[in-house]
Structure formats: structure tokens, C-alpha cells
């Protein structure tokens, strides 16, 4: 799970860099993340995933963390949610 959390953290940094002019704001962030993660995420999860599935999983993780009101850093929460190694 630690490796997946690191990958998600790296993705977040890359996304923020890509959207630096808007301070990282991107209402379609999950689509950008899915494109970025498409090649590596299936390896961490041990199954093939389409970009649409990745978007769905990322939105699910975001909603679950908001519902749980979890203070856990998002990369660790999402990695646990996604069931990574």
C-alpha cells in the first residue's frame, strides 16, 4: 500500500504542477489523474482497469474520505480504499 500511496502523491504533485496557474484547481481532476495513472495503477492493484474505471474509483475514494471525515492524508486513504499492495 505504501508504494501506491507514493504513486498517488507523485500524481498529485504532477497535477498541481500542470495546473499551477489555477493553484491546482481542476474540476475534472480525476480524468487527468486517470490518464496519468493508466499504465501504473493496474500493476499496483493486480488487475486491468480502463481510464473510466480509474476515474470511478478515484471519485469513490474522494467521496468516501469526505463521508468518513477522515484526517488521514489523501494518498494513504485512497491507496487503502483502492486496495493497493
PDB file of N, CA and C in Angstrom:
ATOM      1  N   UNK A   1       0.821  -1.192   0.000  1.00  0.00           N
ATOM      2  CA  UNK A   1       0.000   0.000   0.000  1.00  0.00           C
ATOM      3  C   UNK A   1       0.868   1.260   0.000  1.00  0.00           C
ATOM      4  N   UNK A   2       2.020   1.190   0.630  1.00  0.00           N
ATOM      5  CA  UNK A   2       2.908   2.355   0.701  1.00  0.00           C
ATOM      6  C   UNK A   2       3.338   2.800  -0.700  1.00  0.00           C
ATOM      7  N   UNK A   3       3.652   1.847  -1.570  1.00  0.00           N
ATOM      8  CA  UNK A   3       4.075   2.198  -2.929  1.00  0.00           C
ATOM      9  C   UNK A   3       2.945   2.881  -3.691  1.00  0.00           C
ATOM     10  N   UNK A   4       1.720   2.404  -3.515  1.00  0.00           N
ATOM     11  CA  UNK A   4       0.577   3.020  -4.179  1.00  0.00           C
ATOM     12  C   UNK A   4       0.349   4.427  -3.632  1.00  0.00           C
ATOM     13  N   UNK A   5       0.457   4.609  -2.335  1.00  0.00           N
ATOM     14  CA  UNK A   5       0.313   5.944  -1.748  1.00  0.00           C
ATOM     15  C   UNK A   5       1.377   6.883  -2.306  1.00  0.00           C
ATOM     16  N   UNK A   6       2.591   6.398  -2.465  1.00  0.00           N
ATOM     17  CA  UNK A   6       3.664   7.217  -3.050  1.00  0.00           C
ATOM     18  C   UNK A   6       3.330   7.591  -4.490  1.00  0.00           C
ATOM     19  N   UNK A   7       2.806   6.641  -5.266  1.00  0.00           N
ATOM     20  CA  UNK A   7       2.418   6.909  -6.648  1.00  0.00           C
ATOM     21  C   UNK A   7       1.321   7.970  -6.696  1.00  0.00           C
ATOM     22  N   UNK A   8       0.348   7.864  -5.809  1.00  0.00           N
ATOM     23  CA  UNK A   8      -0.731   8.847  -5.771  1.00  0.00           C
ATOM     24  C   UNK A   8      -0.201  10.227  -5.364  1.00  0.00           C
ATOM     25  N   UNK A   9       0.723  10.265  -4.423  1.00  0.00           N
ATOM     26  CA  UNK A   9       1.340  11.533  -4.013  1.00  0.00           C
ATOM     27  C   UNK A   9       2.080  12.164  -5.188  1.00  0.00           C
ATOM     28  N   UNK A  10       2.831  11.367  -5.919  1.00  0.00           N
ATOM     29  CA  UNK A  10       3.562  11.837  -7.103  1.00  0.00           C
ATOM     30  C   UNK A  10       2.580  12.371  -8.148  1.00  0.00           C
ATOM     31  N   UNK A  11       1.469  11.683  -8.333  1.00  0.00           N
ATOM     32  CA  UNK A  11       0.454  12.105  -9.292  1.00  0.00           C
ATOM     33  C   UNK A  11      -0.128  13.454  -8.882  1.00  0.00           C
ATOM     34  N   UNK A  12      -0.407  13.608  -7.593  1.00  0.00           N
ATOM     35  CA  UNK A  12      -0.929  14.877  -7.100  1.00  0.00           C
ATOM     36  C   UNK A  12       0.016  16.031  -7.356  1.00  0.00           C
ATOM     37  N   UNK A  13       1.294  15.795  -7.131  1.00  0.00           N
ATOM     38  CA  UNK A  13       2.295  16.839  -7.380  1.00  0.00           C
ATOM     39  C   UNK A  13       2.363  17.190  -8.863  1.00  0.00           C
ATOM     40  N   UNK A  14       2.327  16.166  -9.725  1.00  0.00           N
ATOM     41  CA  UNK A  14       2.371  16.402 -11.166  1.00  0.00           C
ATOM     42  C   UNK A  14       1.130  17.177 -11.625  1.00  0.00           C
ATOM     43  N   UNK A  15      -0.017  16.823 -11.059  1.00  0.00           N
ATOM     44  CA  UNK A  15      -1.253  17.516 -11.411  1.00  0.00           C
ATOM     45  C   UNK A  15      -1.186  18.981 -10.979  1.00  0.00           C
ATOM     46  N   UNK A  16      -0.728  19.216  -9.773  1.00  0.00           N
ATOM     47  CA  UNK A  16      -0.620  20.591  -9.290  1.00  0.00           C
ATOM     48  C   UNK A  16       0.316  21.399 -10.192  1.00  0.00           C
ATOM     49  N   UNK A  17       1.402  20.778 -10.607  1.00  0.00           N
ATOM     50  CA  UNK A  17       2.362  21.445 -11.492  1.00  0.00           C
ATOM     51  C   UNK A  17       1.702  21.766 -12.837  1.00  0.00           C
ATOM     52  N   UNK A  18       0.911  20.833 -13.344  1.00  0.00           N
ATOM     53  CA  UNK A  18       0.235  21.051 -14.625  1.00  0.00           C
ATOM     54  C   UNK A  18      -0.811  22.161 -14.525  1.00  0.00           C
ATOM     55  N   UNK A  19      -1.371  22.341 -13.332  1.00  0.00           N
ATOM     56  CA  UNK A  19      -2.416  23.339 -13.127  1.00  0.00           C
ATOM     57  C   UNK A  19      -1.946  24.450 -12.189  1.00  0.00           C
ATOM     58  N   UNK A  20      -0.672  24.780 -12.256  1.00  0.00           N
ATOM     59  CA  UNK A  20      -0.073  25.774 -11.366  1.00  0.00           C
ATOM     60  C   UNK A  20      -0.761  27.132 -11.482  1.00  0.00           C
ATOM     61  N   UNK A  21      -1.205  27.484 -12.680  1.00  0.00           N
ATOM     62  CA  UNK A  21      -1.845  28.785 -12.881  1.00  0.00           C
ATOM     63  C   UNK A  21      -3.167  28.895 -12.121  1.00  0.00           C
ATOM     64  N   UNK A  22      -3.793  27.757 -11.832  1.00  0.00           N
ATOM     65  CA  UNK A  22      -5.066  27.765 -11.093  1.00  0.00           C
ATOM     66  C   UNK A  22      -4.867  27.239  -9.681  1.00  0.00           C
ATOM     67  N   UNK A  23      -3.609  27.177  -9.215  1.00  0.00           N
ATOM     68  CA  UNK A  23      -3.272  26.656  -7.893  1.00  0.00           C
ATOM     69  C   UNK A  23      -3.774  25.230  -7.709  1.00  0.00           C
ATOM     70  N   UNK A  24      -3.724  24.462  -8.798  1.00  0.00           N
ATOM     71  CA  UNK A  24      -4.123  23.062  -8.742  1.00  0.00           C
ATOM     72  C   UNK A  24      -5.600  22.826  -8.946  1.00  0.00           C
ATOM     73  N   UNK A  25      -6.406  23.885  -9.064  1.00  0.00           N
ATOM     74  CA  UNK A  25      -7.846  23.706  -9.231  1.00  0.00           C
ATOM     75  C   UNK A  25      -8.151  23.118 -10.598  1.00  0.00           C
ATOM     76  N   UNK A  26      -8.910  22.042 -10.597  1.00  0.00           N
ATOM     77  CA  UNK A  26      -9.321  21.370 -11.824  1.00  0.00           C
ATOM     78  C   UNK A  26     -10.556  20.537 -11.507  1.00  0.00           C
ATOM     79  N   UNK A  27     -11.737  20.985 -11.914  1.00  0.00           N
ATOM     80  CA  UNK A  27     -12.941  20.239 -11.590  1.00  0.00           C
ATOM     81  C   UNK A  27     -12.964  18.839 -12.217  1.00  0.00           C
ATOM     82  N   UNK A  28     -12.161  18.621 -13.215  1.00  0.00           N
ATOM     83  CA  UNK A  28     -12.087  17.308 -13.878  1.00  0.00           C
ATOM     84  C   UNK A  28     -10.798  16.579 -13.501  1.00  0.00           C
ATOM     85  N   UNK A  29     -10.315  16.806 -12.288  1.00  0.00           N
ATOM     86  CA  UNK A  29      -9.041  16.262 -11.833  1.00  0.00           C
ATOM     87  C   UNK A  29      -8.957  14.747 -12.010  1.00  0.00           C
ATOM     88  N   UNK A  30     -10.031  14.031 -11.773  1.00  0.00           N
ATOM     89  CA  UNK A  30      -9.987  12.566 -11.829  1.00  0.00           C
ATOM     90  C   UNK A  30      -9.663  12.066 -13.236  1.00  0.00           C
ATOM     91  N   UNK A  31     -10.094  12.803 -14.251  1.00  0.00           N
ATOM     92  CA  UNK A  31      -9.773  12.420 -15.629  1.00  0.00           C
ATOM     93  C   UNK A  31      -8.275  12.589 -15.866  1.00  0.00           C
ATOM     94  N   UNK A  32      -7.723  13.710 -15.410  1.00  0.00           N
ATOM     95  CA  UNK A  32      -6.284  13.939 -15.553  1.00  0.00           C
ATOM     96  C   UNK A  32      -5.506  12.855 -14.815  1.00  0.00           C
ATOM     97  N   UNK A  33      -5.913  12.565 -13.583  1.00  0.00           N
ATOM     98  CA  UNK A  33      -5.255  11.529 -12.782  1.00  0.00           C
ATOM     99  C   UNK A  33      -5.327  10.179 -13.487  1.00  0.00           C
ATOM    100  N   UNK A  34      -6.498   9.850 -14.038  1.00  0.00           N
ATOM    101  CA  UNK A  34      -6.673   8.546 -14.713  1.00  0.00           C
ATOM    102  C   UNK A  34      -5.716   8.424 -15.888  1.00  0.00           C
ATOM    103  N   UNK A  35      -5.569   9.486 -16.657  1.00  0.00           N
ATOM    104  CA  UNK A  35      -4.613   9.452 -17.772  1.00  0.00           C
ATOM    105  C   UNK A  35      -3.196   9.224 -17.266  1.00  0.00           C
ATOM    106  N   UNK A  36      -2.856   9.891 -16.189  1.00  0.00           N
ATOM    107  CA  UNK A  36      -1.511   9.798 -15.616  1.00  0.00           C
ATOM    108  C   UNK A  36      -1.251   8.412 -15.021  1.00  0.00           C
ATOM    109  N   UNK A  37      -2.275   7.830 -14.403  1.00  0.00           N
ATOM    110  CA  UNK A  37      -2.127   6.561 -13.676  1.00  0.00           C
ATOM    111  C   UNK A  37      -2.418   5.325 -14.520  1.00  0.00           C
ATOM    112  N   UNK A  38      -2.927   5.513 -15.713  1.00  0.00           N
ATOM    113  CA  UNK A  38      -3.416   4.398 -16.524  1.00  0.00           C
ATOM    114  C   UNK A  38      -2.416   3.254 -16.679  1.00  0.00           C
ATOM    115  N   UNK A  39      -1.149   3.552 -16.855  1.00  0.00           N
ATOM    116  CA  UNK A  39      -0.154   2.497 -17.068  1.00  0.00           C
ATOM    117  C   UNK A  39       0.312   1.839 -15.775  1.00  0.00           C
ATOM    118  N   UNK A  40       0.334   2.578 -14.666  1.00  0.00           N
ATOM    119  CA  UNK A  40       0.911   2.040 -13.435  1.00  0.00           C
ATOM    120  C   UNK A  40      -0.094   1.515 -12.419  1.00  0.00           C
ATOM    121  N   UNK A  41      -1.262   2.110 -12.349  1.00  0.00           N
ATOM    122  CA  UNK A  41      -2.226   1.710 -11.327  1.00  0.00           C
ATOM    123  C   UNK A  41      -2.632   0.237 -11.428  1.00  0.00           C
ATOM    124  N   UNK A  42      -2.902  -0.295 -12.621  1.00  0.00           N
ATOM    125  CA  UNK A  42      -3.268  -1.715 -12.700  1.00  0.00           C
ATOM    126  C   UNK A  42      -2.202  -2.637 -12.110  1.00  0.00           C
ATOM    127  N   UNK A  43      -0.939  -2.284 -12.252  1.00  0.00           N
ATOM    128  CA  UNK A  43       0.136  -3.087 -11.679  1.00  0.00           C
ATOM    129  C   UNK A  43       0.025  -3.116 -10.158  1.00  0.00           C
ATOM    130  N   UNK A  44      -0.272  -1.996  -9.569  1.00  0.00           N
ATOM    131  CA  UNK A  44      -0.393  -1.907  -8.109  1.00  0.00           C
ATOM    132  C   UNK A  44      -1.637  -2.617  -7.585  1.00  0.00           C
ATOM    133  N   UNK A  45      -2.675  -2.661  -8.408  1.00  0.00           N
ATOM    134  CA  UNK A  45      -3.922  -3.277  -7.964  1.00  0.00           C
ATOM    135  C   UNK A  45      -4.069  -4.724  -8.429  1.00  0.00           C
ATOM    136  N   UNK A  46      -3.200  -5.141  -9.346  1.00  0.00           N
ATOM    137  CA  UNK A  46      -3.227  -6.528  -9.800  1.00  0.00           C
ATOM    138  C   UNK A  46      -4.381  -6.863 -10.724  1.00  0.00           C
ATOM    139  N   UNK A  47      -4.903  -5.848 -11.416  1.00  0.00           N
ATOM    140  CA  UNK A  47      -5.975  -6.092 -12.382  1.00  0.00           C
ATOM    141  C   UNK A  47      -5.986  -4.983 -13.422  1.00  0.00           C
ATOM    142  N   UNK A  48      -6.511  -5.309 -14.601  1.00  0.00           N
ATOM    143  CA  UNK A  48      -6.623  -4.317 -15.659  1.00  0.00           C
ATOM    144  C   UNK A  48      -7.744  -3.345 -15.335  1.00  0.00           C
ATOM    145  N   UNK A  49      -7.510  -2.091 -15.685  1.00  0.00           N
ATOM    146  CA  UNK A  49      -8.501  -1.046 -15.454  1.00  0.00           C
ATOM    147  C   UNK A  49      -8.543  -0.104 -16.640  1.00  0.00           C
ATOM    148  N   UNK A  50      -9.730   0.294 -17.036  1.00  0.00           N
ATOM    149  CA  UNK A  50      -9.860   1.329 -18.065  1.00  0.00           C
ATOM    150  C   UNK A  50      -9.731   2.686 -17.386  1.00  0.00           C
ATOM    151  N   UNK A  51      -9.541   3.718 -18.187  1.00  0.00           N
ATOM    152  CA  UNK A  51      -9.494   5.067 -17.622  1.00  0.00           C
ATOM    153  C   UNK A  51     -10.805   5.397 -16.916  1.00  0.00           C
ATOM    154  N   UNK A  52     -11.908   4.974 -17.496  1.00  0.00           N
ATOM    155  CA  UNK A  52     -13.214   5.230 -16.873  1.00  0.00           C
ATOM    156  C   UNK A  52     -13.312   4.577 -15.506  1.00  0.00           C
ATOM    157  N   UNK A  53     -12.804   3.366 -15.378  1.00  0.00           N
ATOM    158  CA  UNK A  53     -12.820   2.682 -14.086  1.00  0.00           C
ATOM    159  C   UNK A  53     -11.944   3.415 -13.074  1.00  0.00           C
ATOM    160  N   UNK A  54     -10.806   3.916 -13.530  1.00  0.00           N
ATOM    161  CA  UNK A  54      -9.913   4.654 -12.632  1.00  0.00           C
ATOM    162  C   UNK A  54     -10.609   5.932 -12.156  1.00  0.00           C
ATOM    163  N   UNK A  55     -11.261   6.654 -13.062  1.00  0.00           N
ATOM    164  CA  UNK A  55     -11.999   7.858 -12.678  1.00  0.00           C
ATOM    165  C   UNK A  55     -13.046   7.506 -11.628  1.00  0.00           C
ATOM    166  N   UNK A  56     -13.796   6.438 -11.874  1.00  0.00           N
ATOM    167  CA  UNK A  56     -14.839   5.998 -10.946  1.00  0.00           C
ATOM    168  C   UNK A  56     -14.255   5.684  -9.566  1.00  0.00           C
ATOM    169  N   UNK A  57     -13.150   4.960  -9.539  1.00  0.00           N
ATOM    170  CA  UNK A  57     -12.513   4.599  -8.275  1.00  0.00           C
ATOM    171  C   UNK A  57     -11.992   5.831  -7.530  1.00  0.00           C
ATOM    172  N   UNK A  58     -11.390   6.760  -8.254  1.00  0.00           N
ATOM    173  CA  UNK A  58     -10.871   7.973  -7.620  1.00  0.00           C
ATOM    174  C   UNK A  58     -12.001   8.810  -7.023  1.00  0.00           C
ATOM    175  N   UNK A  59     -13.096   8.966  -7.759  1.00  0.00           N
ATOM    176  CA  UNK A  59     -14.245   9.714  -7.225  1.00  0.00           C
ATOM    177  C   UNK A  59     -14.811   9.001  -6.011  1.00  0.00           C
ATOM    178  N   UNK A  60     -14.862   7.668  -6.074  1.00  0.00           N
ATOM    179  CA  UNK A  60     -15.350   6.906  -4.934  1.00  0.00           C
ATOM    180  C   UNK A  60     -14.489   7.119  -3.702  1.00  0.00           C
ATOM    181  N   UNK A  61     -13.184   7.133  -3.894  1.00  0.00           N
ATOM    182  CA  UNK A  61     -12.263   7.364  -2.776  1.00  0.00           C
ATOM    183  C   UNK A  61     -12.455   8.764  -2.202  1.00  0.00           C
ATOM    184  N   UNK A  62     -12.606   9.749  -3.079  1.00  0.00           N
ATOM    185  CA  UNK A  62     -12.792  11.119  -2.622  1.00  0.00           C
ATOM    186  C   UNK A  62     -14.080  11.242  -1.801  1.00  0.00           C
ATOM    187  N   UNK A  63     -15.151  10.666  -2.305  1.00  0.00           N
ATOM    188  CA  UNK A  63     -16.436  10.738  -1.602  1.00  0.00           C
ATOM    189  C   UNK A  63     -16.378   9.995  -0.278  1.00  0.00           C
ATOM    190  N   UNK A  64     -15.745   8.822  -0.273  1.00  0.00           N
ATOM    191  CA  UNK A  64     -15.650   8.037   0.957  1.00  0.00           C
ATOM    192  C   UNK A  64     -14.858   8.784   2.019  1.00  0.00           C
ATOM    193  N   UNK A  65     -13.766   9.414   1.619  1.00  0.00           N
ATOM    194  CA  UNK A  65     -12.964  10.150   2.599  1.00  0.00           C
ATOM    195  C   UNK A  65     -13.747  11.337   3.151  1.00  0.00           C
ATOM    196  N   UNK A  66     -14.506  12.001   2.294  1.00  0.00           N
ATOM    197  CA  UNK A  66     -15.317  13.128   2.765  1.00  0.00           C
ATOM    198  C   UNK A  66     -16.403  12.640   3.731  1.00  0.00           C
ATOM    199  N   UNK A  67     -17.054  11.530   3.397  1.00  0.00           N
ATOM    200  CA  UNK A  67     -18.091  10.970   4.277  1.00  0.00           C
ATOM    201  C   UNK A  67     -17.518  10.540   5.617  1.00  0.00           C
ATOM    202  N   UNK A  68     -16.341   9.906   5.565  1.00  0.00           N
ATOM    203  CA  UNK A  68     -15.690   9.443   6.791  1.00  0.00           C
ATOM    204  C   UNK A  68     -15.126  10.596   7.613  1.00  0.00           C
ATOM    205  N   UNK A  69     -14.996  11.761   6.968  1.00  0.00           N
ATOM    206  CA  UNK A  69     -14.344  12.915   7.588  1.00  0.00           C
ATOM    207  C   UNK A  69     -12.976  12.520   8.135  1.00  0.00           C
ATOM    208  N   UNK A  70     -12.298  11.690   7.343  1.00  0.00           N
ATOM    209  CA  UNK A  70     -11.003  11.153   7.747  1.00  0.00           C
ATOM    210  C   UNK A  70      -9.909  12.205   7.652  1.00  0.00           C
ATOM    211  N   UNK A  71      -9.111  12.345   8.704  1.00  0.00           N
ATOM    212  CA  UNK A  71      -7.977  13.264   8.657  1.00  0.00           C
ATOM    213  C   UNK A  71      -6.742  12.628   7.997  1.00  0.00           C
ATOM    214  N   UNK A  72      -6.853  11.364   7.629  1.00  0.00           N
ATOM    215  CA  UNK A  72      -5.730  10.656   7.001  1.00  0.00           C
ATOM    216  C   UNK A  72      -5.343  11.373   5.712  1.00  0.00           C
ATOM    217  N   UNK A  73      -4.051  11.527   5.429  1.00  0.00           N
ATOM    218  CA  UNK A  73      -3.645  12.149   4.166  1.00  0.00           C
ATOM    219  C   UNK A  73      -4.279  11.399   2.983  1.00  0.00           C
ATOM    220  N   UNK A  74      -4.714  12.185   1.995  1.00  0.00           N
ATOM    221  CA  UNK A  74      -5.472  11.571   0.907  1.00  0.00           C
ATOM    222  C   UNK A  74      -4.731  10.447   0.199  1.00  0.00           C
ATOM    223  N   UNK A  75      -3.403  10.520  -0.066  1.00  0.00           N
ATOM    224  CA  UNK A  75      -2.769   9.408  -0.784  1.00  0.00           C
ATOM    225  C   UNK A  75      -2.889   8.075  -0.027  1.00  0.00           C
ATOM    226  N   UNK A  76      -2.720   8.129   1.287  1.00  0.00           N
ATOM    227  CA  UNK A  76      -2.823   6.906   2.086  1.00  0.00           C
ATOM    228  C   UNK A  76      -4.269   6.404   2.126  1.00  0.00           C
ATOM    229  N   UNK A  77      -5.212   7.322   2.281  1.00  0.00           N
ATOM    230  CA  UNK A  77      -6.620   6.939   2.311  1.00  0.00           C
ATOM    231  C   UNK A  77      -7.022   6.305   0.978  1.00  0.00           C
ATOM    232  N   UNK A  78      -6.676   6.971  -0.122  1.00  0.00           N
ATOM    233  CA  UNK A  78      -7.045   6.463  -1.440  1.00  0.00           C
ATOM    234  C   UNK A  78      -6.387   5.103  -1.689  1.00  0.00           C
ATOM    235  N   UNK A  79      -5.130   4.948  -1.306  1.00  0.00           N
ATOM    236  CA  UNK A  79      -4.441   3.669  -1.506  1.00  0.00           C
ATOM    237  C   UNK A  79      -5.164   2.553  -0.751  1.00  0.00           C
ATOM    238  N   UNK A  80      -5.550   2.846   0.475  1.00  0.00           N
ATOM    239  CA  UNK A  80      -6.284   1.849   1.262  1.00  0.00           C
ATOM    240  C   UNK A  80      -7.650   1.573   0.642  1.00  0.00           C
ATOM    241  N   UNK A  81      -8.328   2.619   0.181  1.00  0.00           N
ATOM    242  CA  UNK A  81      -9.626   2.482  -0.460  1.00  0.00           C
ATOM    243  C   UNK A  81      -9.526   1.621  -1.714  1.00  0.00           C
ATOM    244  N   UNK A  82      -8.491   1.889  -2.494  1.00  0.00           N
ATOM    245  CA  UNK A  82      -8.304   1.171  -3.758  1.00  0.00           C
ATOM    246  C   UNK A  82      -7.840  -0.269  -3.545  1.00  0.00           C
ATOM    247  N   UNK A  83      -7.348  -0.557  -2.355  1.00  0.00           N
ATOM    248  CA  UNK A  83      -6.910  -1.927  -2.061  1.00  0.00           C
ATOM    249  C   UNK A  83      -5.560  -2.253  -2.649  1.00  0.00           C
ATOM    250  N   UNK A  84      -4.691  -1.276  -2.675  1.00  0.00           N
ATOM    251  CA  UNK A  84      -3.357  -1.468  -3.251  1.00  0.00           C
ATOM    252  C   UNK A  84      -2.468  -2.366  -2.404  1.00  0.00           C
ATOM    253  N   UNK A  85      -1.350  -2.735  -3.003  1.00  0.00           N
ATOM    254  CA  UNK A  85      -0.395  -3.652  -2.357  1.00  0.00           C
ATOM    255  C   UNK A  85       0.196  -3.098  -1.106  1.00  0.00           C
TER     256      UNK A  85
END
